[in-house]
Amino acid sequence: MGDRFTSTFGLVAGLALAALAAAGIAEDAPKKFDLGTKNRWEKDEVVTVTHVQRMEMTMNAIRPDGKAAEQTREKREESVVVWRCLEATEKGSRLRAHAYVRSWSVKDEKSDDTSVTGAFVEVTPEKWTMLSPGIKPSPAARKWLDTTFGPKAKDEKAGFDSLGAPPSLAVGESWRMPPEAMQAFMSARGGNTAGLDTSKVECTVTLVAAEETPKGPRLRATIQLSGPLGGAVGGAKGATVSVAEGSRVSFDGEIVSVLGGSHRDERLSGPMEMKLNVAKDGNVVTSTATAHLEKTRVPGGEMPDPPKTESPAPPTVPPAVPTEPAPK
């Protein structure tokens, strides 16, 4: 009787648990979040992008005579750009837009450059065009304009999309950033990787928290990048210098993104450090650069009307001169 009761009870309990699981009352599976949705542009949509980067660089050199020399430099870059999409494809790629540079500055111990603050720029996939006739970009500002608005600018990719995220992920899960995405990530954050061997550098992104907001799920993920560097870097007069052992790069930061709307409300922050050891002609030089970065993208923003371009006046046509009849 006891064994029969026990087996019957076990069968009933098993059926009950199965029913609860089917109804979703039993332990829920981890909730997956859609990370594969890309930012989409729509006509007349406005997005504000803020970028702040503070870089500190220290260079230590040991000369052949054993004497040491040290040089320290600091640089700060800040920009606030308001975008308005004028034309977009059906898939949400930007075809033509106006960008208003609300503020832009580059400061170091030698200069304080604000030459493109207040500029209006028209942007297409092929080029950028300055719409503000009174703005005269400095060489540094022109380089920033090319990087931000030129054909090689990849503003379409942002947030988790730019980090090579999988289509969906649950809190506690991670992914390895693909090599191409990792190269772009380092270059965009002050780590010039041209000529460097980064094959041993790895980056892991982990989704650590999620909470519901009126706009959509707010996700936070940590970004941990580190590894040794090899290869060569550009030297004086076009020469290249091999990178010695002990050179490495690291980034320890986070990304916070709200999944909702055509553009996500997001912030990426953290310090990137790059250390390079090089030796040439008996000189051993160690340079360490640390870039503290914070970048935000927020839907909306105030944007004034662009400057009106005056159409050239039509050419004046002199009045017709009456001709005298020919003599008979």
C-alpha atoms as a PDB file:
ATOM      1  CA  MET A   1       0.000   0.000   0.000  1.00  0.00           C
ATOM      2  CA  GLY A   2       2.789   2.392   0.955  1.00  0.00           C
ATOM      3  CA  ASP A   3       4.768   1.755  -2.221  1.00  0.00           C
ATOM      4  CA  ARG A   4       1.621   2.074  -4.278  1.00  0.00           C
ATOM      5  CA  PHE A   5       0.716   5.365  -2.623  1.00  0.00           C
ATOM      6  CA  THR A   6       4.251   6.679  -3.074  1.00  0.00           C
ATOM      7  CA  SER A   7       4.373   5.825  -6.770  1.00  0.00           C
ATOM      8  CA  THR A   8       0.911   7.322  -7.345  1.00  0.00           C
ATOM      9  CA  PHE A   9       1.860  10.497  -5.473  1.00  0.00           C
ATOM     10  CA  GLY A  10       5.088  10.764  -7.475  1.00  0.00           C
ATOM     11  CA  LEU A  11       3.160  10.451 -10.731  1.00  0.00           C
ATOM     12  CA  VAL A  12       0.667  13.136  -9.687  1.00  0.00           C
ATOM     13  CA  ALA A  13       3.457  15.441  -8.532  1.00  0.00           C
ATOM     14  CA  GLY A  14       5.321  14.988 -11.821  1.00  0.00           C
ATOM     15  CA  LEU A  15       2.217  15.783 -13.830  1.00  0.00           C
ATOM     16  CA  ALA A  16       1.565  18.848 -11.697  1.00  0.00           C
ATOM     17  CA  LEU A  17       5.122  20.162 -12.201  1.00  0.00           C
ATOM     18  CA  ALA A  18       4.851  19.581 -15.933  1.00  0.00           C
ATOM     19  CA  ALA A  19       1.579  21.514 -16.005  1.00  0.00           C
ATOM     20  CA  LEU A  20       3.093  24.377 -14.027  1.00  0.00           C
ATOM     21  CA  ALA A  21       6.101  24.519 -16.344  1.00  0.00           C
ATOM     22  CA  ALA A  22       3.828  24.573 -19.379  1.00  0.00           C
ATOM     23  CA  ALA A  23       1.843  27.426 -17.828  1.00  0.00           C
ATOM     24  CA  GLY A  24       5.034  29.383 -17.115  1.00  0.00           C
ATOM     25  CA  ILE A  25       4.559  29.230 -13.337  1.00  0.00           C
ATOM     26  CA  ALA A  26       7.623  27.078 -12.701  1.00  0.00           C
ATOM     27  CA  GLU A  27      11.120  28.543 -12.793  1.00  0.00           C
ATOM     28  CA  ASP A  28      11.276  30.911 -15.770  1.00  0.00           C
ATOM     29  CA  ALA A  29      13.995  30.641 -18.402  1.00  0.00           C
ATOM     30  CA  PRO A  30      16.351  33.661 -18.449  1.00  0.00           C
ATOM     31  CA  LYS A  31      14.802  36.533 -20.400  1.00  0.00           C
ATOM     32  CA  LYS A  32      16.563  37.230 -23.669  1.00  0.00           C
ATOM     33  CA  PHE A  33      17.000  40.805 -24.918  1.00  0.00           C
ATOM     34  CA  ASP A  34      17.104  41.706 -28.595  1.00  0.00           C
ATOM     35  CA  LEU A  35      20.531  43.224 -29.271  1.00  0.00           C
ATOM     36  CA  GLY A  36      20.389  42.777 -33.030  1.00  0.00           C
ATOM     37  CA  THR A  37      18.110  45.750 -33.707  1.00  0.00           C
ATOM     38  CA  LYS A  38      20.142  48.498 -35.355  1.00  0.00           C
ATOM     39  CA  ASN A  39      19.672  52.224 -35.128  1.00  0.00           C
ATOM     40  CA  ARG A  40      17.414  53.398 -37.964  1.00  0.00           C
ATOM     41  CA  TRP A  41      17.203  56.857 -39.431  1.00  0.00           C
ATOM     42  CA  GLU A  42      13.870  58.372 -40.393  1.00  0.00           C
ATOM     43  CA  LYS A  43      13.194  61.608 -42.263  1.00  0.00           C
ATOM     44  CA  ASP A  44      13.245  64.702 -39.975  1.00  0.00           C
ATOM     45  CA  GLU A  45      14.510  62.644 -37.009  1.00  0.00           C
ATOM     46  CA  VAL A  46      16.896  64.498 -34.647  1.00  0.00           C
ATOM     47  CA  VAL A  47      19.655  62.893 -32.561  1.00  0.00           C
ATOM     48  CA  THR A  48      22.235  64.566 -30.288  1.00  0.00           C
ATOM     49  CA  VAL A  49      25.716  63.025 -29.898  1.00  0.00           C
ATOM     50  CA  THR A  50      28.045  64.230 -27.111  1.00  0.00           C
ATOM     51  CA  HIS A  51      31.693  63.202 -26.986  1.00  0.00           C
ATOM     52  CA  VAL A  52      34.246  63.986 -24.258  1.00  0.00           C
ATOM     53  CA  GLN A  53      37.766  62.532 -24.334  1.00  0.00           C
ATOM     54  CA  ARG A  54      40.675  63.448 -22.067  1.00  0.00           C
ATOM     55  CA  MET A  55      44.061  62.022 -23.031  1.00  0.00           C
ATOM     56  CA  GLU A  56      47.207  61.872 -20.934  1.00  0.00           C
ATOM     57  CA  MET A  57      50.484  60.757 -22.532  1.00  0.00           C
ATOM     58  CA  THR A  58      53.814  60.128 -20.801  1.00  0.00           C
ATOM     59  CA  MET A  59      56.995  59.319 -22.731  1.00  0.00           C
ATOM     60  CA  ASN A  60      60.106  57.946 -21.026  1.00  0.00           C
ATOM     61  CA  ALA A  61      63.334  57.591 -23.024  1.00  0.00           C
ATOM     62  CA  ILE A  62      66.617  55.926 -22.036  1.00  0.00           C
ATOM     63  CA  ARG A  63      69.500  57.227 -24.142  1.00  0.00           C
ATOM     64  CA  PRO A  64      72.632  55.227 -25.056  1.00  0.00           C
ATOM     65  CA  ASP A  65      74.559  57.113 -22.355  1.00  0.00           C
ATOM     66  CA  GLY A  66      72.091  55.845 -19.751  1.00  0.00           C
ATOM     67  CA  LYS A  67      70.435  59.220 -19.151  1.00  0.00           C
ATOM     68  CA  ALA A  68      66.653  59.331 -18.877  1.00  0.00           C
ATOM     69  CA  ALA A  69      64.262  61.889 -20.290  1.00  0.00           C
ATOM     70  CA  GLU A  70      60.543  62.247 -19.597  1.00  0.00           C
ATOM     71  CA  GLN A  71      57.856  64.175 -21.403  1.00  0.00           C
ATOM     72  CA  THR A  72      54.200  64.533 -20.371  1.00  0.00           C
ATOM     73  CA  ARG A  73      51.360  65.862 -22.455  1.00  0.00           C
ATOM     74  CA  GLU A  74      47.602  66.306 -21.910  1.00  0.00           C
ATOM     75  CA  LYS A  75      44.839  66.843 -24.444  1.00  0.00           C
ATOM     76  CA  ARG A  76      41.074  67.264 -24.104  1.00  0.00           C
ATOM     77  CA  GLU A  77      38.504  66.982 -26.883  1.00  0.00           C
ATOM     78  CA  GLU A  78      34.817  67.829 -26.509  1.00  0.00           C
ATOM     79  CA  SER A  79      32.002  68.015 -29.023  1.00  0.00           C
ATOM     80  CA  VAL A  80      28.209  68.187 -29.162  1.00  0.00           C
ATOM     81  CA  VAL A  81      26.675  67.487 -32.571  1.00  0.00           C
ATOM     82  CA  VAL A  82      22.945  67.650 -33.357  1.00  0.00           C
ATOM     83  CA  TRP A  83      21.905  65.606 -36.393  1.00  0.00           C
ATOM     84  CA  ARG A  84      18.760  66.013 -38.499  1.00  0.00           C
ATOM     85  CA  CYS A  85      18.046  63.361 -41.122  1.00  0.00           C
ATOM     86  CA  LEU A  86      16.800  64.823 -44.421  1.00  0.00           C
ATOM     87  CA  GLU A  87      16.655  61.619 -46.488  1.00  0.00           C
ATOM     88  CA  ALA A  88      16.894  57.923 -45.553  1.00  0.00           C
ATOM     89  CA  THR A  89      16.576  54.564 -47.278  1.00  0.00           C
ATOM     90  CA  GLU A  90      13.791  52.086 -46.574  1.00  0.00           C
ATOM     91  CA  LYS A  91      16.235  50.116 -44.386  1.00  0.00           C
ATOM     92  CA  GLY A  92      17.000  53.190 -42.266  1.00  0.00           C
ATOM     93  CA  SER A  93      20.415  54.170 -43.647  1.00  0.00           C
ATOM     94  CA  ARG A  94      21.097  57.893 -43.737  1.00  0.00           C
ATOM     95  CA  LEU A  95      21.319  59.373 -47.260  1.00  0.00           C
ATOM     96  CA  ARG A  96      21.479  63.092 -46.485  1.00  0.00           C
ATOM     97  CA  ALA A  97      21.559  64.983 -43.211  1.00  0.00           C
ATOM     98  CA  HIS A  98      22.371  68.301 -41.609  1.00  0.00           C
ATOM     99  CA  ALA A  99      24.757  68.305 -38.656  1.00  0.00           C
ATOM    100  CA  TYR A 100      24.911  71.302 -36.326  1.00  0.00           C
ATOM    101  CA  VAL A 101      28.158  71.492 -34.335  1.00  0.00           C
ATOM    102  CA  ARG A 102      26.757  73.073 -31.205  1.00  0.00           C
ATOM    103  CA  SER A 103      30.200  73.045 -29.591  1.00  0.00           C
ATOM    104  CA  TRP A 104      33.670  71.716 -30.435  1.00  0.00           C
ATOM    105  CA  SER A 105      37.020  72.233 -28.739  1.00  0.00           C
ATOM    106  CA  VAL A 106      40.490  70.712 -28.580  1.00  0.00           C
ATOM    107  CA  LYS A 107      42.704  71.940 -25.763  1.00  0.00           C
ATOM    108  CA  ASP A 108      46.320  71.154 -24.921  1.00  0.00           C
ATOM    109  CA  GLU A 109      49.224  73.053 -23.431  1.00  0.00           C
ATOM    110  CA  LYS A 110      49.808  74.922 -26.700  1.00  0.00           C
ATOM    111  CA  SER A 111      46.361  75.774 -28.057  1.00  0.00           C
ATOM    112  CA  ASP A 112      42.628  76.072 -27.467  1.00  0.00           C
ATOM    113  CA  ASP A 113      40.898  75.374 -30.770  1.00  0.00           C
ATOM    114  CA  THR A 114      37.159  76.080 -31.166  1.00  0.00           C
ATOM    115  CA  SER A 115      37.216  76.898 -34.872  1.00  0.00           C
ATOM    116  CA  VAL A 116      34.149  74.866 -35.932  1.00  0.00           C
ATOM    117  CA  THR A 117      31.813  75.676 -33.037  1.00  0.00           C
ATOM    118  CA  GLY A 118      28.492  76.771 -34.520  1.00  0.00           C
ATOM    119  CA  ALA A 119      29.142  75.196 -37.921  1.00  0.00           C
ATOM    120  CA  PHE A 120      26.429  73.664 -40.097  1.00  0.00           C
ATOM    121  CA  VAL A 121      27.493  70.718 -42.254  1.00  0.00           C
ATOM    122  CA  GLU A 122      25.576  68.817 -44.908  1.00  0.00           C
ATOM    123  CA  VAL A 123      26.479  65.124 -44.875  1.00  0.00           C
ATOM    124  CA  THR A 124      26.013  62.463 -47.556  1.00  0.00           C
ATOM    125  CA  PRO A 125      27.655  59.016 -47.815  1.00  0.00           C
ATOM    126  CA  GLU A 126      30.180  60.477 -50.264  1.00  0.00           C
ATOM    127  CA  LYS A 127      31.226  63.752 -48.626  1.00  0.00           C
ATOM    128  CA  TRP A 128      30.546  66.580 -46.203  1.00  0.00           C
ATOM    129  CA  THR A 129      29.917  70.201 -47.230  1.00  0.00           C
ATOM    130  CA  MET A 130      30.375  73.242 -45.015  1.00  0.00           C
ATOM    131  CA  LEU A 131      27.199  75.376 -45.046  1.00  0.00           C
ATOM    132  CA  SER A 132      28.505  78.143 -42.743  1.00  0.00           C
ATOM    133  CA  PRO A 133      30.514  80.618 -44.866  1.00  0.00           C
ATOM    134  CA  GLY A 134      32.067  82.328 -41.845  1.00  0.00           C
ATOM    135  CA  ILE A 135      33.584  79.121 -40.383  1.00  0.00           C
ATOM    136  CA  LYS A 136      37.272  78.538 -41.155  1.00  0.00           C
ATOM    137  CA  PRO A 137      38.332  75.098 -39.832  1.00  0.00           C
ATOM    138  CA  SER A 138      41.841  74.705 -38.463  1.00  0.00           C
ATOM    139  CA  PRO A 139      43.887  71.673 -39.656  1.00  0.00           C
ATOM    140  CA  ALA A 140      42.856  69.773 -36.497  1.00  0.00           C
ATOM    141  CA  ALA A 141      39.204  70.715 -37.003  1.00  0.00           C
ATOM    142  CA  ARG A 142      39.287  69.636 -40.655  1.00  0.00           C
ATOM    143  CA  LYS A 143      40.676  66.255 -39.611  1.00  0.00           C
ATOM    144  CA  TRP A 144      37.821  65.904 -37.082  1.00  0.00           C
ATOM    145  CA  LEU A 145      35.276  66.879 -39.755  1.00  0.00           C
ATOM    146  CA  ASP A 146      36.667  64.200 -42.079  1.00  0.00           C
ATOM    147  CA  THR A 147      36.602  61.569 -39.321  1.00  0.00           C
ATOM    148  CA  THR A 148      33.098  62.478 -38.099  1.00  0.00           C
ATOM    149  CA  PHE A 149      31.297  63.288 -41.352  1.00  0.00           C
ATOM    150  CA  GLY A 150      33.462  61.883 -44.169  1.00  0.00           C
ATOM    151  CA  PRO A 151      32.948  58.703 -46.240  1.00  0.00           C
ATOM    152  CA  LYS A 152      34.852  56.564 -43.711  1.00  0.00           C
ATOM    153  CA  ALA A 153      32.704  57.688 -40.763  1.00  0.00           C
ATOM    154  CA  LYS A 154      30.581  54.796 -39.464  1.00  0.00           C
ATOM    155  CA  ASP A 155      27.939  56.659 -37.501  1.00  0.00           C
ATOM    156  CA  GLU A 156      25.291  54.137 -38.555  1.00  0.00           C
ATOM    157  CA  LYS A 157      26.813  51.628 -36.138  1.00  0.00           C
ATOM    158  CA  ALA A 158      26.463  52.507 -32.493  1.00  0.00           C
ATOM    159  CA  GLY A 159      25.860  50.839 -29.169  1.00  0.00           C
ATOM    160  CA  PHE A 160      25.691  47.055 -29.076  1.00  0.00           C
ATOM    161  CA  ASP A 161      25.655  46.920 -32.881  1.00  0.00           C
ATOM    162  CA  SER A 162      29.152  48.464 -33.012  1.00  0.00           C
ATOM    163  CA  LEU A 163      30.430  45.896 -30.489  1.00  0.00           C
ATOM    164  CA  GLY A 164      29.505  42.895 -32.623  1.00  0.00           C
ATOM    165  CA  ALA A 165      26.757  41.730 -30.245  1.00  0.00           C
ATOM    166  CA  PRO A 166      24.808  38.519 -30.913  1.00  0.00           C
ATOM    167  CA  PRO A 167      21.112  38.838 -31.884  1.00  0.00           C
ATOM    168  CA  SER A 168      19.870  38.133 -28.335  1.00  0.00           C
ATOM    169  CA  LEU A 169      21.379  37.762 -24.874  1.00  0.00           C
ATOM    170  CA  ALA A 170      20.337  37.226 -21.243  1.00  0.00           C
ATOM    171  CA  VAL A 171      21.768  38.944 -18.167  1.00  0.00           C
ATOM    172  CA  GLY A 172      24.958  37.160 -17.121  1.00  0.00           C
ATOM    173  CA  GLU A 173      25.857  36.053 -20.656  1.00  0.00           C
ATOM    174  CA  SER A 174      28.917  37.309 -22.586  1.00  0.00           C
ATOM    175  CA  TRP A 175      30.330  37.490 -26.081  1.00  0.00           C
ATOM    176  CA  ARG A 176      33.764  37.996 -27.621  1.00  0.00           C
ATOM    177  CA  MET A 177      34.033  41.118 -29.744  1.00  0.00           C
ATOM    178  CA  PRO A 178      34.942  40.189 -33.362  1.00  0.00           C
ATOM    179  CA  PRO A 179      38.416  41.376 -34.546  1.00  0.00           C
ATOM    180  CA  GLU A 180      37.060  43.941 -37.026  1.00  0.00           C
ATOM    181  CA  ALA A 181      34.733  45.478 -34.428  1.00  0.00           C
ATOM    182  CA  MET A 182      37.553  45.482 -31.862  1.00  0.00           C
ATOM    183  CA  GLN A 183      39.915  47.340 -34.239  1.00  0.00           C
ATOM    184  CA  ALA A 184      37.253  49.994 -34.880  1.00  0.00           C
ATOM    185  CA  PHE A 185      36.494  50.217 -31.153  1.00  0.00           C
ATOM    186  CA  MET A 186      40.157  50.852 -30.228  1.00  0.00           C
ATOM    187  CA  SER A 187      40.772  53.347 -33.051  1.00  0.00           C
ATOM    188  CA  ALA A 188      37.663  55.363 -32.152  1.00  0.00           C
ATOM    189  CA  ARG A 189      38.822  55.682 -28.553  1.00  0.00           C
ATOM    190  CA  GLY A 190      42.304  57.098 -28.992  1.00  0.00           C
ATOM    191  CA  GLY A 191      44.119  53.811 -29.618  1.00  0.00           C
ATOM    192  CA  ASN A 192      45.781  54.252 -33.024  1.00  0.00           C
ATOM    193  CA  THR A 193      46.350  50.644 -34.120  1.00  0.00           C
ATOM    194  CA  ALA A 194      47.763  51.342 -37.602  1.00  0.00           C
ATOM    195  CA  GLY A 195      50.639  48.919 -38.203  1.00  0.00           C
ATOM    196  CA  LEU A 196      50.196  47.153 -34.858  1.00  0.00           C
ATOM    197  CA  ASP A 197      49.627  43.423 -34.429  1.00  0.00           C
ATOM    198  CA  THR A 198      46.516  43.082 -32.264  1.00  0.00           C
ATOM    199  CA  SER A 199      45.882  39.381 -32.956  1.00  0.00           C
ATOM    200  CA  LYS A 200      46.446  38.472 -29.293  1.00  0.00           C
ATOM    201  CA  VAL A 201      44.166  41.206 -27.928  1.00  0.00           C
ATOM    202  CA  GLU A 202      40.785  39.966 -26.694  1.00  0.00           C
ATOM    203  CA  CYS A 203      37.645  41.801 -25.648  1.00  0.00           C
ATOM    204  CA  THR A 204      34.756  40.357 -23.658  1.00  0.00           C
ATOM    205  CA  VAL A 205      31.412  42.118 -23.288  1.00  0.00           C
ATOM    206  CA  THR A 206      29.095  40.921 -20.499  1.00  0.00           C
ATOM    207  CA  LEU A 207      25.458  41.898 -20.017  1.00  0.00           C
ATOM    208  CA  VAL A 208      25.334  42.535 -16.247  1.00  0.00           C
ATOM    209  CA  ALA A 209      21.988  44.251 -15.575  1.00  0.00           C
ATOM    210  CA  ALA A 210      18.580  45.029 -17.073  1.00  0.00           C
ATOM    211  CA  GLU A 211      15.609  47.071 -15.886  1.00  0.00           C
ATOM    212  CA  GLU A 212      12.343  48.125 -17.480  1.00  0.00           C
ATOM    213  CA  THR A 213      11.768  51.807 -18.248  1.00  0.00           C
ATOM    214  CA  PRO A 214       8.917  53.632 -20.028  1.00  0.00           C
ATOM    215  CA  LYS A 215      11.120  53.871 -23.136  1.00  0.00           C
ATOM    216  CA  GLY A 216      12.105  50.185 -23.102  1.00  0.00           C
ATOM    217  CA  PRO A 217      14.596  47.840 -21.358  1.00  0.00           C
ATOM    218  CA  ARG A 218      17.658  49.637 -19.980  1.00  0.00           C
ATOM    219  CA  LEU A 219      20.682  47.354 -20.314  1.00  0.00           C
ATOM    220  CA  ARG A 220      24.159  47.708 -18.809  1.00  0.00           C
ATOM    221  CA  ALA A 221      27.146  45.744 -20.052  1.00  0.00           C
ATOM    222  CA  THR A 222      30.809  45.751 -19.054  1.00  0.00           C
ATOM    223  CA  ILE A 223      33.570  45.911 -21.678  1.00  0.00           C
ATOM    224  CA  GLN A 224      36.947  44.402 -20.790  1.00  0.00           C
ATOM    225  CA  LEU A 225      39.687  44.521 -23.400  1.00  0.00           C
ATOM    226  CA  SER A 226      43.342  43.580 -22.915  1.00  0.00           C
ATOM    227  CA  GLY A 227      46.290  41.917 -24.569  1.00  0.00           C
ATOM    228  CA  PRO A 228      49.855  42.306 -25.872  1.00  0.00           C
ATOM    229  CA  LEU A 229      50.764  44.365 -28.932  1.00  0.00           C
ATOM    230  CA  GLY A 230      53.322  43.644 -31.637  1.00  0.00           C
ATOM    231  CA  GLY A 231      54.134  44.890 -35.108  1.00  0.00           C
ATOM    232  CA  ALA A 232      55.536  48.332 -35.857  1.00  0.00           C
ATOM    233  CA  VAL A 233      54.663  52.013 -35.533  1.00  0.00           C
ATOM    234  CA  GLY A 234      55.460  54.990 -37.718  1.00  0.00           C
ATOM    235  CA  GLY A 235      58.605  56.922 -36.827  1.00  0.00           C
ATOM    236  CA  ALA A 236      60.185  60.133 -37.994  1.00  0.00           C
ATOM    237  CA  LYS A 237      60.495  60.829 -41.747  1.00  0.00           C
ATOM    238  CA  GLY A 238      58.241  57.915 -42.656  1.00  0.00           C
ATOM    239  CA  ALA A 239      60.394  55.256 -40.995  1.00  0.00           C
ATOM    240  CA  THR A 240      58.840  52.366 -39.044  1.00  0.00           C
ATOM    241  CA  VAL A 241      59.979  51.178 -35.626  1.00  0.00           C
ATOM    242  CA  SER A 242      59.336  47.661 -34.281  1.00  0.00           C
ATOM    243  CA  VAL A 243      57.310  47.359 -31.092  1.00  0.00           C
ATOM    244  CA  ALA A 244      59.175  45.570 -28.296  1.00  0.00           C
ATOM    245  CA  GLU A 245      57.947  43.055 -25.725  1.00  0.00           C
ATOM    246  CA  GLY A 246      55.877  44.493 -22.897  1.00  0.00           C
ATOM    247  CA  SER A 247      53.677  46.628 -25.179  1.00  0.00           C
ATOM    248  CA  ARG A 248      49.979  46.185 -24.476  1.00  0.00           C
ATOM    249  CA  VAL A 249      46.516  47.783 -24.577  1.00  0.00           C
ATOM    250  CA  SER A 250      43.571  47.685 -22.162  1.00  0.00           C
ATOM    251  CA  PHE A 251      40.062  49.114 -21.753  1.00  0.00           C
ATOM    252  CA  ASP A 252      37.803  48.650 -18.745  1.00  0.00           C
ATOM    253  CA  GLY A 253      34.473  50.391 -19.194  1.00  0.00           C
ATOM    254  CA  GLU A 254      30.756  49.966 -19.725  1.00  0.00           C
ATOM    255  CA  ILE A 255      27.892  50.689 -22.065  1.00  0.00           C
ATOM    256  CA  VAL A 256      24.358  51.582 -20.976  1.00  0.00           C
ATOM    257  CA  SER A 257      21.636  51.450 -23.631  1.00  0.00           C
ATOM    258  CA  VAL A 258      17.854  51.759 -23.649  1.00  0.00           C
ATOM    259  CA  LEU A 259      16.298  49.490 -26.279  1.00  0.00           C
ATOM    260  CA  GLY A 260      13.436  51.497 -27.704  1.00  0.00           C
ATOM    261  CA  GLY A 261      12.586  53.698 -30.655  1.00  0.00           C
ATOM    262  CA  SER A 262      14.535  54.035 -33.878  1.00  0.00           C
ATOM    263  CA  HIS A 263      17.562  55.410 -32.006  1.00  0.00           C
ATOM    264  CA  ARG A 264      18.700  54.192 -28.618  1.00  0.00           C
ATOM    265  CA  ASP A 265      19.389  56.388 -25.636  1.00  0.00           C
ATOM    266  CA  GLU A 266      22.917  55.217 -24.796  1.00  0.00           C
ATOM    267  CA  ARG A 267      26.181  56.052 -23.035  1.00  0.00           C
ATOM    268  CA  LEU A 268      29.627  54.472 -23.389  1.00  0.00           C
ATOM    269  CA  SER A 269      32.411  55.320 -20.951  1.00  0.00           C
ATOM    270  CA  GLY A 270      35.732  54.099 -19.587  1.00  0.00           C
ATOM    271  CA  PRO A 271      39.525  54.539 -19.828  1.00  0.00           C
ATOM    272  CA  MET A 272      41.703  53.034 -22.542  1.00  0.00           C
ATOM    273  CA  GLU A 273      45.431  52.640 -21.895  1.00  0.00           C
ATOM    274  CA  MET A 274      48.046  51.857 -24.531  1.00  0.00           C
ATOM    275  CA  LYS A 275      51.683  51.193 -23.652  1.00  0.00           C
ATOM    276  CA  LEU A 276      54.322  50.948 -26.385  1.00  0.00           C
ATOM    277  CA  ASN A 277      57.979  49.997 -25.975  1.00  0.00           C
ATOM    278  CA  VAL A 278      60.244  50.740 -28.942  1.00  0.00           C
ATOM    279  CA  ALA A 279      64.023  50.627 -29.426  1.00  0.00           C
ATOM    280  CA  LYS A 280      66.035  52.329 -32.137  1.00  0.00           C
ATOM    281  CA  ASP A 281      69.637  53.508 -32.462  1.00  0.00           C
ATOM    282  CA  GLY A 282      70.317  52.567 -28.858  1.00  0.00           C
ATOM    283  CA  ASN A 283      67.366  54.569 -27.524  1.00  0.00           C
ATOM    284  CA  VAL A 284      64.682  52.717 -25.560  1.00  0.00           C
ATOM    285  CA  VAL A 285      61.417  54.661 -25.470  1.00  0.00           C
ATOM    286  CA  THR A 286      58.308  53.780 -23.490  1.00  0.00           C
ATOM    287  CA  SER A 287      55.153  55.767 -24.197  1.00  0.00           C
ATOM    288  CA  THR A 288      51.953  55.347 -22.212  1.00  0.00           C
ATOM    289  CA  ALA A 289      48.730  56.998 -23.368  1.00  0.00           C
ATOM    290  CA  THR A 290      45.513  56.911 -21.319  1.00  0.00           C
ATOM    291  CA  ALA A 291      42.275  58.168 -22.866  1.00  0.00           C
ATOM    292  CA  HIS A 292      39.243  58.738 -20.607  1.00  0.00           C
ATOM    293  CA  LEU A 293      36.149  58.612 -22.781  1.00  0.00           C
ATOM    294  CA  GLU A 294      32.446  59.336 -22.433  1.00  0.00           C
ATOM    295  CA  LYS A 295      30.087  59.324 -25.413  1.00  0.00           C
ATOM    296  CA  THR A 296      26.305  59.637 -25.355  1.00  0.00           C
ATOM    297  CA  ARG A 297      23.578  59.476 -28.014  1.00  0.00           C
ATOM    298  CA  VAL A 298      20.174  60.896 -27.112  1.00  0.00           C
ATOM    299  CA  PRO A 299      17.112  61.055 -29.383  1.00  0.00           C
ATOM    300  CA  GLY A 300      15.971  64.649 -29.901  1.00  0.00           C
ATOM    301  CA  GLY A 301      17.722  67.979 -29.407  1.00  0.00           C
ATOM    302  CA  GLU A 302      17.449  71.642 -30.358  1.00  0.00           C
ATOM    303  CA  MET A 303      18.649  72.564 -33.814  1.00  0.00           C
ATOM    304  CA  PRO A 304      18.404  76.040 -35.349  1.00  0.00           C
ATOM    305  CA  ASP A 305      17.722  76.557 -39.032  1.00  0.00           C
ATOM    306  CA  PRO A 306      20.803  76.257 -41.259  1.00  0.00           C
ATOM    307  CA  PRO A 307      22.208  79.398 -42.884  1.00  0.00           C
ATOM    308  CA  LYS A 308      20.418  80.457 -46.039  1.00  0.00           C
ATOM    309  CA  THR A 309      22.583  80.274 -49.093  1.00  0.00           C
ATOM    310  CA  GLU A 310      22.041  83.184 -51.404  1.00  0.00           C
ATOM    311  CA  SER A 311      21.286  82.203 -54.972  1.00  0.00           C
ATOM    312  CA  PRO A 312      23.433  84.011 -57.523  1.00  0.00           C
ATOM    313  CA  ALA A 313      21.664  86.886 -59.211  1.00  0.00           C
ATOM    314  CA  PRO A 314      20.622  86.186 -62.783  1.00  0.00           C
ATOM    315  CA  PRO A 315      22.910  87.755 -65.377  1.00  0.00           C
ATOM    316  CA  THR A 316      21.778  91.160 -66.596  1.00  0.00           C
ATOM    317  CA  VAL A 317      20.882  91.364 -70.255  1.00  0.00           C
ATOM    318  CA  PRO A 318      21.537  94.751 -71.850  1.00  0.00           C
ATOM    319  CA  PRO A 319      18.527  96.247 -73.586  1.00  0.00           C
ATOM    320  CA  ALA A 320      18.295  95.649 -77.285  1.00  0.00           C
ATOM    321  CA  VAL A 321      19.667  98.481 -79.393  1.00  0.00           C
ATOM    322  CA  PRO A 322      17.253  99.449 -82.153  1.00  0.00           C
ATOM    323  CA  THR A 323      18.795  99.041 -85.554  1.00  0.00           C
ATOM    324  CA  GLU A 324      18.427 101.713 -88.225  1.00  0.00           C
ATOM    325  CA  PRO A 325      16.876 100.598 -91.455  1.00  0.00           C
ATOM    326  CA  ALA A 326      19.343 100.063 -94.256  1.00  0.00           C
ATOM    327  CA  PRO A 327      19.528 102.913 -96.767  1.00  0.00           C
ATOM    328  CA  LYS A 328      17.560 102.332 -99.935  1.00  0.00           C
END
